[in-house]
């Protein structure tokens, strides 16, 4: 008759347990990181207007006359003066409205500005040119795309867009959550 071997219980060392716990913690933290989103919620006072001061490269989100947030900004690669034509590299000046949003922007997130208005269209048409369009407040330059026309996205310092207003990716996440469509935006020289 064969004797059955008794199985001894496996005893783990404290080192093995620590290693197991470490792996478990890393896995949990990795899972939480994957849940983060560029879409935030905002429950504070309504943003009633956006003011951009091109000369100081600052943008302000206001509730009535109280500044809720302010940001350093980048502008078009030819920042002086009002945008007149497509491709002029200028950022428009005047009163516009936030009129759309793009959650799939090449620039992380973006909110649209209602340029061109009827005056902008008429001025460009009088010269036989297009006023352009697609002016947005958006995040930083895409990391995987080359700039149209060559060169780096930031070769002109912080003014690198084709007429848009640029902030960091983290900042556009906040702005996207705070500013609603229909909000007026005043862009000053």
N, C-alpha and C. Protein backbone atom coordinates (compact mmCIF):
# COMPACT_ATOMS: atom_id res chain seq x y z
N UNK A 1 0.83 -1.19 0.00
CA UNK A 1 0.00 0.00 0.00
C UNK A 1 0.87 1.24 0.00
N UNK A 2 0.53 2.18 -0.91
CA UNK A 2 1.29 3.42 -0.98
C UNK A 2 0.79 4.38 0.05
N UNK A 3 1.76 5.03 0.67
CA UNK A 3 1.39 6.08 1.62
C UNK A 3 1.13 7.36 0.87
N UNK A 4 0.05 8.04 1.26
CA UNK A 4 -0.25 9.33 0.66
C UNK A 4 0.63 10.38 1.30
N UNK A 5 1.21 11.20 0.45
CA UNK A 5 2.02 12.29 0.98
C UNK A 5 1.10 13.37 1.48
N UNK A 6 1.41 13.85 2.64
CA UNK A 6 0.64 14.96 3.16
C UNK A 6 1.15 16.24 2.51
N UNK A 7 0.21 17.04 2.04
CA UNK A 7 0.59 18.33 1.46
C UNK A 7 0.76 19.32 2.58
N UNK A 8 1.90 19.93 2.56
CA UNK A 8 2.16 20.96 3.56
C UNK A 8 1.56 22.27 3.09
N UNK A 9 0.98 23.01 3.95
CA UNK A 9 0.46 24.32 3.54
C UNK A 9 1.62 25.22 3.10
N UNK A 10 1.37 25.99 2.04
CA UNK A 10 2.41 26.88 1.54
C UNK A 10 2.44 28.12 2.42
N UNK A 11 3.59 28.43 2.85
CA UNK A 11 3.77 29.60 3.70
C UNK A 11 4.47 30.66 2.87
N UNK A 12 3.86 31.86 2.81
CA UNK A 12 4.46 32.95 2.04
C UNK A 12 5.22 33.84 2.99
N UNK A 13 6.25 34.38 2.48
CA UNK A 13 7.05 35.29 3.29
C UNK A 13 6.45 36.68 3.23
N UNK A 14 6.83 37.50 4.18
CA UNK A 14 6.32 38.86 4.20
C UNK A 14 6.80 39.62 2.97
N UNK A 15 7.95 39.28 2.43
CA UNK A 15 8.46 39.91 1.22
C UNK A 15 7.56 39.63 0.02
N UNK A 16 7.10 38.37 -0.08
CA UNK A 16 6.20 38.01 -1.17
C UNK A 16 4.88 38.75 -1.05
N UNK A 17 4.38 38.90 0.17
CA UNK A 17 3.11 39.61 0.39
C UNK A 17 3.25 41.09 0.04
N UNK A 18 4.37 41.68 0.42
CA UNK A 18 4.59 43.09 0.09
C UNK A 18 4.64 43.28 -1.43
N UNK A 19 5.30 42.38 -2.10
CA UNK A 19 5.40 42.45 -3.56
C UNK A 19 4.00 42.34 -4.18
N UNK A 20 3.19 41.40 -3.69
CA UNK A 20 1.84 41.22 -4.19
C UNK A 20 1.01 42.49 -3.97
N UNK A 21 1.11 43.08 -2.81
CA UNK A 21 0.37 44.32 -2.51
C UNK A 21 0.81 45.46 -3.43
N UNK A 22 2.11 45.56 -3.66
CA UNK A 22 2.63 46.61 -4.53
C UNK A 22 2.07 46.46 -5.95
N UNK A 23 2.07 45.24 -6.46
CA UNK A 23 1.52 44.99 -7.80
C UNK A 23 0.04 45.35 -7.84
N UNK A 24 -0.70 45.01 -6.81
CA UNK A 24 -2.13 45.31 -6.73
C UNK A 24 -2.36 46.83 -6.72
N UNK A 25 -1.59 47.55 -5.94
CA UNK A 25 -1.73 49.02 -5.87
C UNK A 25 -1.41 49.65 -7.22
N UNK A 26 -0.35 49.21 -7.86
CA UNK A 26 0.01 49.76 -9.17
C UNK A 26 -1.11 49.51 -10.18
N UNK A 27 -1.68 48.32 -10.16
CA UNK A 27 -2.77 47.99 -11.08
C UNK A 27 -3.98 48.87 -10.82
N UNK A 28 -4.32 49.10 -9.57
CA UNK A 28 -5.46 49.94 -9.23
C UNK A 28 -5.22 51.39 -9.65
N UNK A 29 -4.05 51.92 -9.38
CA UNK A 29 -3.73 53.29 -9.77
C UNK A 29 -3.73 53.46 -11.28
N UNK A 30 -3.22 52.48 -11.99
CA UNK A 30 -3.25 52.51 -13.44
C UNK A 30 -4.67 52.54 -13.97
N UNK A 31 -5.53 51.77 -13.36
CA UNK A 31 -6.94 51.75 -13.75
C UNK A 31 -7.62 53.08 -13.49
N UNK A 32 -7.30 53.72 -12.37
CA UNK A 32 -7.88 55.02 -12.07
C UNK A 32 -7.39 56.07 -13.05
N UNK A 33 -6.13 56.01 -13.42
CA UNK A 33 -5.57 56.96 -14.38
C UNK A 33 -6.24 56.86 -15.73
N UNK A 34 -6.61 55.66 -16.12
CA UNK A 34 -7.26 55.46 -17.41
C UNK A 34 -8.67 56.04 -17.40
N UNK A 35 -9.25 56.26 -16.22
CA UNK A 35 -10.60 56.80 -16.12
C UNK A 35 -10.63 58.32 -16.21
N UNK A 36 -9.49 58.99 -16.16
CA UNK A 36 -9.49 60.44 -16.21
C UNK A 36 -9.98 60.90 -17.58
N UNK A 37 -10.58 62.07 -17.63
CA UNK A 37 -11.19 62.56 -18.86
C UNK A 37 -10.84 64.02 -19.07
N UNK A 38 -10.81 64.43 -20.33
CA UNK A 38 -10.59 65.84 -20.62
C UNK A 38 -11.87 66.64 -20.43
N UNK A 39 -12.99 65.96 -20.19
CA UNK A 39 -14.27 66.64 -20.00
C UNK A 39 -14.53 66.82 -18.51
N UNK A 40 -14.57 68.07 -18.10
CA UNK A 40 -14.77 68.40 -16.69
C UNK A 40 -16.17 68.98 -16.51
N UNK A 41 -16.60 69.04 -15.26
CA UNK A 41 -17.86 69.71 -14.96
C UNK A 41 -17.55 70.98 -14.17
N UNK A 42 -18.43 71.95 -14.30
CA UNK A 42 -18.27 73.23 -13.62
C UNK A 42 -19.59 73.60 -12.98
N UNK A 43 -19.56 73.91 -11.69
CA UNK A 43 -20.78 74.24 -10.96
C UNK A 43 -20.71 75.63 -10.32
N UNK A 44 -19.80 76.47 -10.77
CA UNK A 44 -19.65 77.80 -10.19
C UNK A 44 -20.55 78.82 -10.86
N UNK A 45 -20.26 80.10 -10.60
CA UNK A 45 -21.06 81.17 -11.21
C UNK A 45 -20.98 81.12 -12.74
N UNK A 46 -22.07 81.51 -13.39
CA UNK A 46 -22.11 81.51 -14.85
C UNK A 46 -21.08 82.49 -15.43
N UNK A 47 -20.41 82.06 -16.47
CA UNK A 47 -19.53 82.97 -17.22
C UNK A 47 -20.45 83.78 -18.13
N UNK A 48 -20.55 85.10 -17.85
CA UNK A 48 -21.46 85.95 -18.62
C UNK A 48 -20.76 86.65 -19.79
N UNK A 49 -19.43 86.69 -19.76
CA UNK A 49 -18.69 87.25 -20.88
C UNK A 49 -17.23 86.83 -20.82
N UNK A 50 -16.61 86.82 -21.99
CA UNK A 50 -15.18 86.55 -22.12
C UNK A 50 -14.57 87.82 -22.69
N UNK A 51 -13.46 88.27 -22.08
CA UNK A 51 -12.75 89.45 -22.58
C UNK A 51 -11.32 89.04 -22.89
N UNK A 52 -10.88 89.36 -24.11
CA UNK A 52 -9.51 89.09 -24.54
C UNK A 52 -8.82 90.43 -24.77
N UNK A 53 -7.65 90.60 -24.17
CA UNK A 53 -6.83 91.79 -24.38
C UNK A 53 -5.57 91.34 -25.11
N UNK A 54 -5.58 91.57 -26.43
CA UNK A 54 -4.49 91.09 -27.27
C UNK A 54 -3.15 91.70 -26.86
N UNK A 55 -3.14 92.99 -26.52
CA UNK A 55 -1.88 93.67 -26.23
C UNK A 55 -1.15 93.09 -25.02
N UNK A 56 -1.90 92.56 -24.06
CA UNK A 56 -1.28 91.97 -22.86
C UNK A 56 -1.29 90.45 -22.90
N UNK A 57 -1.85 89.88 -23.99
CA UNK A 57 -1.94 88.43 -24.14
C UNK A 57 -2.64 87.79 -22.93
N UNK A 58 -3.81 88.35 -22.55
CA UNK A 58 -4.58 87.83 -21.42
C UNK A 58 -6.04 87.64 -21.85
N UNK A 59 -6.65 86.59 -21.30
CA UNK A 59 -8.07 86.34 -21.50
C UNK A 59 -8.72 86.22 -20.13
N UNK A 60 -9.90 86.81 -19.99
CA UNK A 60 -10.62 86.84 -18.72
C UNK A 60 -12.00 86.23 -18.90
N UNK A 61 -12.37 85.34 -17.98
CA UNK A 61 -13.73 84.81 -17.91
C UNK A 61 -14.41 85.55 -16.77
N UNK A 62 -15.52 86.23 -17.09
CA UNK A 62 -16.18 87.07 -16.10
C UNK A 62 -17.60 86.62 -15.80
N UNK A 63 -18.02 86.86 -14.57
CA UNK A 63 -19.42 86.77 -14.17
C UNK A 63 -19.81 88.21 -13.87
N UNK A 64 -20.60 88.80 -14.75
CA UNK A 64 -20.88 90.23 -14.72
C UNK A 64 -19.55 90.98 -14.78
N UNK A 65 -19.17 91.71 -13.72
CA UNK A 65 -17.89 92.44 -13.77
C UNK A 65 -16.81 91.80 -12.91
N UNK A 66 -17.08 90.61 -12.38
CA UNK A 66 -16.11 89.92 -11.52
C UNK A 66 -15.32 88.89 -12.33
N UNK A 67 -13.99 88.97 -12.24
CA UNK A 67 -13.14 88.01 -12.95
C UNK A 67 -13.16 86.67 -12.21
N UNK A 68 -13.58 85.63 -12.91
CA UNK A 68 -13.59 84.28 -12.34
C UNK A 68 -12.25 83.60 -12.58
N UNK A 69 -11.71 83.73 -13.78
CA UNK A 69 -10.42 83.13 -14.16
C UNK A 69 -9.75 84.03 -15.18
N UNK A 70 -8.44 83.97 -15.22
CA UNK A 70 -7.69 84.67 -16.27
C UNK A 70 -6.57 83.76 -16.76
N UNK A 71 -6.18 83.94 -18.02
CA UNK A 71 -5.23 83.04 -18.66
C UNK A 71 -4.25 83.83 -19.53
N UNK A 72 -3.02 83.37 -19.59
CA UNK A 72 -2.07 83.83 -20.60
C UNK A 72 -2.47 83.16 -21.91
N UNK A 73 -2.37 83.88 -23.00
CA UNK A 73 -2.82 83.35 -24.29
C UNK A 73 -1.78 83.54 -25.38
N UNK A 74 -1.91 82.76 -26.43
CA UNK A 74 -1.19 82.96 -27.68
C UNK A 74 -2.19 83.37 -28.73
N UNK A 75 -1.72 84.10 -29.74
CA UNK A 75 -2.60 84.62 -30.79
C UNK A 75 -2.12 84.14 -32.16
N UNK A 76 -2.68 84.75 -33.20
CA UNK A 76 -2.23 84.48 -34.56
C UNK A 76 -0.79 84.92 -34.75
N UNK A 77 -0.13 84.35 -35.75
CA UNK A 77 1.29 84.61 -35.95
C UNK A 77 1.58 86.04 -36.41
N UNK A 78 0.55 86.82 -36.78
CA UNK A 78 0.66 88.26 -37.07
C UNK A 78 -0.36 88.96 -36.17
N UNK A 79 -0.06 89.10 -34.88
CA UNK A 79 -1.09 89.47 -33.91
C UNK A 79 -1.58 90.93 -33.97
N UNK A 80 -0.83 91.82 -34.60
CA UNK A 80 -1.24 93.23 -34.63
C UNK A 80 -2.39 93.44 -35.60
N UNK A 81 -3.42 94.14 -35.14
CA UNK A 81 -4.55 94.50 -36.00
C UNK A 81 -5.64 93.44 -36.07
N UNK A 82 -6.75 93.83 -36.71
CA UNK A 82 -7.94 93.00 -36.84
C UNK A 82 -7.83 92.05 -38.03
N UNK A 83 -8.30 90.84 -37.86
CA UNK A 83 -8.31 89.86 -38.96
C UNK A 83 -9.17 90.41 -40.09
N UNK A 84 -8.63 90.38 -41.31
CA UNK A 84 -9.37 90.88 -42.47
C UNK A 84 -9.58 89.82 -43.53
N UNK A 85 -8.58 88.93 -43.69
CA UNK A 85 -8.64 87.96 -44.77
C UNK A 85 -8.17 86.59 -44.28
N UNK A 86 -8.63 85.59 -44.97
CA UNK A 86 -8.17 84.23 -44.68
C UNK A 86 -6.66 84.15 -44.87
N UNK A 87 -5.97 83.56 -43.90
CA UNK A 87 -4.53 83.34 -44.01
C UNK A 87 -3.67 84.52 -43.58
N UNK A 88 -4.27 85.61 -43.08
CA UNK A 88 -3.46 86.77 -42.71
C UNK A 88 -2.77 86.61 -41.35
N UNK A 89 -3.10 85.54 -40.61
CA UNK A 89 -2.43 85.26 -39.34
C UNK A 89 -2.85 86.18 -38.21
N UNK A 90 -3.92 86.95 -38.40
CA UNK A 90 -4.38 87.88 -37.38
C UNK A 90 -5.53 87.28 -36.59
N UNK A 91 -5.65 87.70 -35.35
CA UNK A 91 -6.78 87.32 -34.49
C UNK A 91 -7.80 88.44 -34.58
N UNK A 92 -9.09 88.11 -34.80
CA UNK A 92 -10.09 89.17 -34.96
C UNK A 92 -10.20 90.07 -33.72
N UNK A 93 -10.77 91.24 -33.92
CA UNK A 93 -11.06 92.18 -32.84
C UNK A 93 -12.52 92.58 -32.96
N UNK A 94 -13.17 92.75 -31.82
CA UNK A 94 -14.57 93.17 -31.82
C UNK A 94 -15.41 92.26 -30.95
N UNK A 95 -16.73 92.41 -31.10
CA UNK A 95 -17.70 91.61 -30.34
C UNK A 95 -18.16 90.43 -31.16
N UNK A 96 -18.00 89.25 -30.59
CA UNK A 96 -18.43 88.00 -31.21
C UNK A 96 -19.12 87.16 -30.14
N UNK A 97 -19.48 85.94 -30.48
CA UNK A 97 -20.13 85.03 -29.54
C UNK A 97 -19.50 83.65 -29.64
N UNK A 98 -19.51 82.92 -28.53
CA UNK A 98 -19.11 81.51 -28.55
C UNK A 98 -20.27 80.78 -29.21
N UNK A 99 -20.01 80.10 -30.33
CA UNK A 99 -21.12 79.55 -31.10
C UNK A 99 -21.06 78.05 -31.37
N UNK A 100 -19.98 77.39 -30.93
CA UNK A 100 -19.89 75.94 -31.16
C UNK A 100 -18.74 75.39 -30.33
N UNK A 101 -18.68 74.07 -30.25
CA UNK A 101 -17.58 73.42 -29.54
C UNK A 101 -17.15 72.18 -30.31
N UNK A 102 -15.86 71.87 -30.18
CA UNK A 102 -15.32 70.71 -30.88
C UNK A 102 -14.60 69.81 -29.88
N UNK A 103 -15.26 68.72 -29.47
CA UNK A 103 -14.62 67.80 -28.53
C UNK A 103 -13.52 66.95 -29.16
N UNK A 104 -13.45 66.94 -30.50
CA UNK A 104 -12.46 66.13 -31.22
C UNK A 104 -11.43 67.01 -31.92
N UNK A 105 -11.17 68.17 -31.38
CA UNK A 105 -10.24 69.12 -31.98
C UNK A 105 -8.83 68.55 -32.09
N UNK A 106 -8.10 68.95 -33.13
CA UNK A 106 -6.68 68.62 -33.24
C UNK A 106 -5.88 69.33 -32.15
N UNK A 107 -6.51 70.28 -31.48
CA UNK A 107 -5.86 71.08 -30.45
C UNK A 107 -6.48 70.77 -29.09
N UNK A 108 -6.67 69.51 -28.81
CA UNK A 108 -7.20 68.94 -27.55
C UNK A 108 -8.71 69.15 -27.44
N UNK A 109 -9.15 70.37 -27.16
CA UNK A 109 -10.56 70.76 -27.16
C UNK A 109 -10.61 72.16 -27.74
N UNK A 110 -11.78 72.56 -28.25
CA UNK A 110 -11.89 73.94 -28.72
C UNK A 110 -13.33 74.43 -28.65
N UNK A 111 -13.46 75.76 -28.48
CA UNK A 111 -14.77 76.40 -28.55
C UNK A 111 -14.70 77.47 -29.63
N UNK A 112 -15.74 77.51 -30.46
CA UNK A 112 -15.74 78.37 -31.63
C UNK A 112 -16.18 79.79 -31.33
N UNK A 113 -15.60 80.72 -32.09
CA UNK A 113 -15.93 82.14 -32.04
C UNK A 113 -16.66 82.48 -33.33
N UNK A 114 -17.71 83.30 -33.26
CA UNK A 114 -18.60 83.54 -34.39
C UNK A 114 -18.02 84.41 -35.51
N UNK A 115 -16.72 84.56 -35.58
CA UNK A 115 -16.09 85.23 -36.72
C UNK A 115 -16.24 84.37 -37.96
N UNK A 116 -16.57 84.92 -39.12
CA UNK A 116 -16.76 86.33 -39.43
C UNK A 116 -18.21 86.77 -39.22
N UNK A 117 -18.38 88.04 -38.81
CA UNK A 117 -19.72 88.62 -38.73
C UNK A 117 -20.03 89.28 -40.07
N UNK A 118 -21.23 89.81 -40.26
CA UNK A 118 -21.58 90.42 -41.56
C UNK A 118 -20.62 91.54 -41.99
N UNK A 119 -20.14 92.34 -41.06
CA UNK A 119 -19.19 93.40 -41.40
C UNK A 119 -17.88 92.78 -41.94
N UNK A 120 -17.38 91.75 -41.26
CA UNK A 120 -16.14 91.10 -41.70
C UNK A 120 -16.29 90.53 -43.11
N UNK A 121 -17.44 89.90 -43.39
CA UNK A 121 -17.68 89.32 -44.72
C UNK A 121 -17.71 90.41 -45.79
N UNK A 122 -18.42 91.52 -45.48
CA UNK A 122 -18.54 92.61 -46.45
C UNK A 122 -17.18 93.25 -46.73
N UNK A 123 -16.38 93.45 -45.69
CA UNK A 123 -15.06 94.06 -45.89
C UNK A 123 -14.18 93.19 -46.78
N UNK A 124 -14.15 91.90 -46.50
CA UNK A 124 -13.33 90.99 -47.31
C UNK A 124 -13.85 90.92 -48.74
N UNK A 125 -15.16 90.88 -48.90
CA UNK A 125 -15.75 90.79 -50.24
C UNK A 125 -15.43 92.03 -51.06
N UNK A 126 -15.36 93.21 -50.41
CA UNK A 126 -15.05 94.44 -51.14
C UNK A 126 -13.64 94.41 -51.74
N UNK A 127 -12.81 93.54 -51.21
CA UNK A 127 -11.44 93.35 -51.73
C UNK A 127 -11.32 92.09 -52.57
N UNK A 128 -12.44 91.40 -52.76
CA UNK A 128 -12.43 90.18 -53.54
C UNK A 128 -11.76 89.02 -52.83
N UNK A 129 -11.76 89.04 -51.51
CA UNK A 129 -11.10 87.99 -50.73
C UNK A 129 -12.09 87.33 -49.78
N UNK A 130 -11.65 86.19 -49.24
CA UNK A 130 -12.42 85.48 -48.22
C UNK A 130 -12.02 86.00 -46.84
N UNK A 131 -13.00 86.17 -45.94
CA UNK A 131 -12.66 86.61 -44.58
C UNK A 131 -12.01 85.50 -43.74
N UNK A 132 -12.10 84.27 -44.22
CA UNK A 132 -11.63 83.14 -43.40
C UNK A 132 -12.70 82.75 -42.40
N UNK A 133 -12.34 81.93 -41.49
CA UNK A 133 -13.29 81.44 -40.48
C UNK A 133 -12.58 80.45 -39.58
N UNK A 134 -13.35 79.61 -38.95
CA UNK A 134 -12.79 78.60 -38.03
C UNK A 134 -11.87 79.21 -37.00
N UNK A 135 -12.32 80.28 -36.36
CA UNK A 135 -11.56 80.91 -35.28
C UNK A 135 -12.07 80.31 -33.97
N UNK A 136 -11.12 79.80 -33.17
CA UNK A 136 -11.46 79.09 -31.94
C UNK A 136 -10.58 79.54 -30.78
N UNK A 137 -11.04 79.25 -29.58
CA UNK A 137 -10.17 79.20 -28.40
C UNK A 137 -9.84 77.72 -28.26
N UNK A 138 -8.56 77.38 -28.22
CA UNK A 138 -8.19 75.96 -28.19
C UNK A 138 -6.94 75.71 -27.37
N UNK A 139 -6.64 74.43 -27.21
CA UNK A 139 -5.46 74.01 -26.45
C UNK A 139 -4.20 74.16 -27.26
N UNK A 140 -3.14 73.55 -26.75
CA UNK A 140 -1.82 73.70 -27.34
C UNK A 140 -1.67 73.01 -28.67
N UNK A 141 -0.52 73.19 -29.29
CA UNK A 141 -0.30 72.61 -30.62
C UNK A 141 -0.32 71.09 -30.58
N UNK A 142 -0.80 70.47 -31.66
CA UNK A 142 -0.81 69.02 -31.69
C UNK A 142 0.62 68.48 -31.65
N UNK A 143 0.80 67.42 -30.90
CA UNK A 143 2.14 66.86 -30.74
C UNK A 143 2.51 65.94 -31.89
N UNK A 144 1.52 65.50 -32.67
CA UNK A 144 1.79 64.53 -33.72
C UNK A 144 1.59 65.08 -35.13
N UNK A 145 1.43 66.37 -35.27
CA UNK A 145 1.19 66.94 -36.60
C UNK A 145 2.22 68.03 -36.88
N UNK A 146 2.56 68.17 -38.15
CA UNK A 146 3.49 69.22 -38.56
C UNK A 146 2.68 70.46 -38.92
N UNK A 147 3.29 71.61 -38.70
CA UNK A 147 2.64 72.87 -39.01
C UNK A 147 2.54 73.05 -40.53
N UNK A 148 1.38 73.50 -40.97
CA UNK A 148 1.19 73.79 -42.38
C UNK A 148 2.20 74.87 -42.78
N UNK A 149 2.89 74.67 -43.86
CA UNK A 149 3.89 75.64 -44.30
C UNK A 149 5.27 75.39 -43.70
N UNK A 150 5.41 74.36 -42.87
CA UNK A 150 6.71 74.02 -42.30
C UNK A 150 6.99 74.79 -41.02
N UNK A 151 8.14 74.51 -40.43
CA UNK A 151 8.53 75.17 -39.18
C UNK A 151 7.84 74.55 -37.98
N UNK A 152 8.28 74.96 -36.81
CA UNK A 152 7.67 74.43 -35.60
C UNK A 152 6.43 75.26 -35.25
N UNK A 153 5.55 74.66 -34.45
CA UNK A 153 4.33 75.36 -34.05
C UNK A 153 4.64 76.63 -33.27
N UNK A 154 5.73 76.66 -32.58
CA UNK A 154 6.03 77.80 -31.72
C UNK A 154 7.22 78.61 -32.22
N UNK A 155 7.49 78.56 -33.52
CA UNK A 155 8.66 79.26 -34.05
C UNK A 155 8.54 80.78 -33.90
N UNK A 156 7.33 81.31 -33.75
CA UNK A 156 7.14 82.74 -33.53
C UNK A 156 6.86 83.04 -32.06
N UNK A 157 7.40 82.26 -31.14
CA UNK A 157 7.11 82.47 -29.73
C UNK A 157 5.74 81.94 -29.39
N UNK A 158 5.01 82.67 -28.57
CA UNK A 158 3.71 82.17 -28.17
C UNK A 158 2.60 82.46 -29.17
N UNK A 159 2.83 83.33 -30.15
CA UNK A 159 1.83 83.65 -31.17
C UNK A 159 2.07 82.76 -32.39
N UNK A 160 1.40 81.63 -32.43
CA UNK A 160 1.68 80.61 -33.43
C UNK A 160 0.46 80.15 -34.21
N UNK A 161 -0.74 80.63 -33.86
CA UNK A 161 -1.95 80.11 -34.52
C UNK A 161 -2.19 80.85 -35.84
N UNK A 162 -3.21 80.43 -36.55
CA UNK A 162 -3.61 81.08 -37.80
C UNK A 162 -4.65 82.17 -37.53
N UNK A 163 -4.83 82.54 -36.28
CA UNK A 163 -5.79 83.58 -35.90
C UNK A 163 -6.61 83.20 -34.67
N UNK A 164 -6.40 82.00 -34.18
CA UNK A 164 -7.13 81.53 -33.00
C UNK A 164 -6.48 82.06 -31.73
N UNK A 165 -7.12 81.75 -30.60
CA UNK A 165 -6.61 82.08 -29.27
C UNK A 165 -6.20 80.76 -28.62
N UNK A 166 -4.93 80.65 -28.24
CA UNK A 166 -4.41 79.39 -27.71
C UNK A 166 -4.12 79.49 -26.22
N UNK A 167 -4.46 78.45 -25.51
CA UNK A 167 -4.13 78.26 -24.09
C UNK A 167 -3.55 76.85 -23.94
N UNK A 168 -3.20 76.47 -22.74
CA UNK A 168 -2.69 75.11 -22.53
C UNK A 168 -3.84 74.10 -22.60
N UNK A 169 -3.50 72.84 -22.78
CA UNK A 169 -4.52 71.78 -22.80
C UNK A 169 -5.30 71.74 -21.48
N UNK A 170 -4.61 71.88 -20.37
CA UNK A 170 -5.27 71.84 -19.07
C UNK A 170 -6.24 73.03 -18.94
N UNK A 171 -5.82 74.19 -19.43
CA UNK A 171 -6.68 75.38 -19.33
C UNK A 171 -7.91 75.27 -20.22
N UNK A 172 -7.76 74.73 -21.44
CA UNK A 172 -8.94 74.62 -22.32
C UNK A 172 -9.95 73.63 -21.73
N UNK A 173 -9.51 72.67 -20.96
CA UNK A 173 -10.46 71.77 -20.30
C UNK A 173 -11.35 72.55 -19.35
N UNK A 174 -10.78 73.47 -18.58
CA UNK A 174 -11.56 74.30 -17.67
C UNK A 174 -12.47 75.26 -18.45
N UNK A 175 -11.92 75.91 -19.46
CA UNK A 175 -12.68 76.88 -20.26
C UNK A 175 -13.85 76.18 -20.95
N UNK A 176 -13.60 75.01 -21.51
CA UNK A 176 -14.63 74.23 -22.21
C UNK A 176 -15.80 73.93 -21.26
N UNK A 177 -15.48 73.63 -20.00
CA UNK A 177 -16.52 73.33 -19.02
C UNK A 177 -17.26 74.59 -18.55
N UNK A 178 -16.55 75.71 -18.47
CA UNK A 178 -17.12 76.92 -17.88
C UNK A 178 -17.93 77.78 -18.85
N UNK A 179 -17.51 77.87 -20.10
CA UNK A 179 -18.10 78.81 -21.06
C UNK A 179 -19.15 78.09 -21.90
N UNK A 180 -20.35 78.64 -21.91
CA UNK A 180 -21.47 78.06 -22.66
C UNK A 180 -21.58 78.70 -24.04
N UNK A 181 -22.16 77.97 -24.98
CA UNK A 181 -22.47 78.55 -26.29
C UNK A 181 -23.40 79.74 -26.08
N UNK A 182 -23.20 80.80 -26.86
CA UNK A 182 -24.00 82.02 -26.74
C UNK A 182 -23.34 83.09 -25.88
N UNK A 183 -22.26 82.74 -25.18
CA UNK A 183 -21.56 83.71 -24.33
C UNK A 183 -20.86 84.74 -25.22
N UNK A 184 -21.05 86.05 -24.94
CA UNK A 184 -20.34 87.06 -25.73
C UNK A 184 -18.84 87.06 -25.43
N UNK A 185 -18.04 87.31 -26.46
CA UNK A 185 -16.59 87.45 -26.31
C UNK A 185 -16.18 88.75 -26.98
N UNK A 186 -15.52 89.61 -26.22
CA UNK A 186 -15.00 90.87 -26.73
C UNK A 186 -13.50 90.73 -26.87
N UNK A 187 -13.00 90.94 -28.08
CA UNK A 187 -11.57 90.83 -28.33
C UNK A 187 -11.05 92.23 -28.59
N UNK A 188 -10.23 92.71 -27.66
CA UNK A 188 -9.70 94.07 -27.72
C UNK A 188 -8.27 94.07 -28.28
N UNK A 189 -7.90 95.20 -28.93
CA UNK A 189 -6.51 95.30 -29.44
C UNK A 189 -5.48 95.13 -28.34
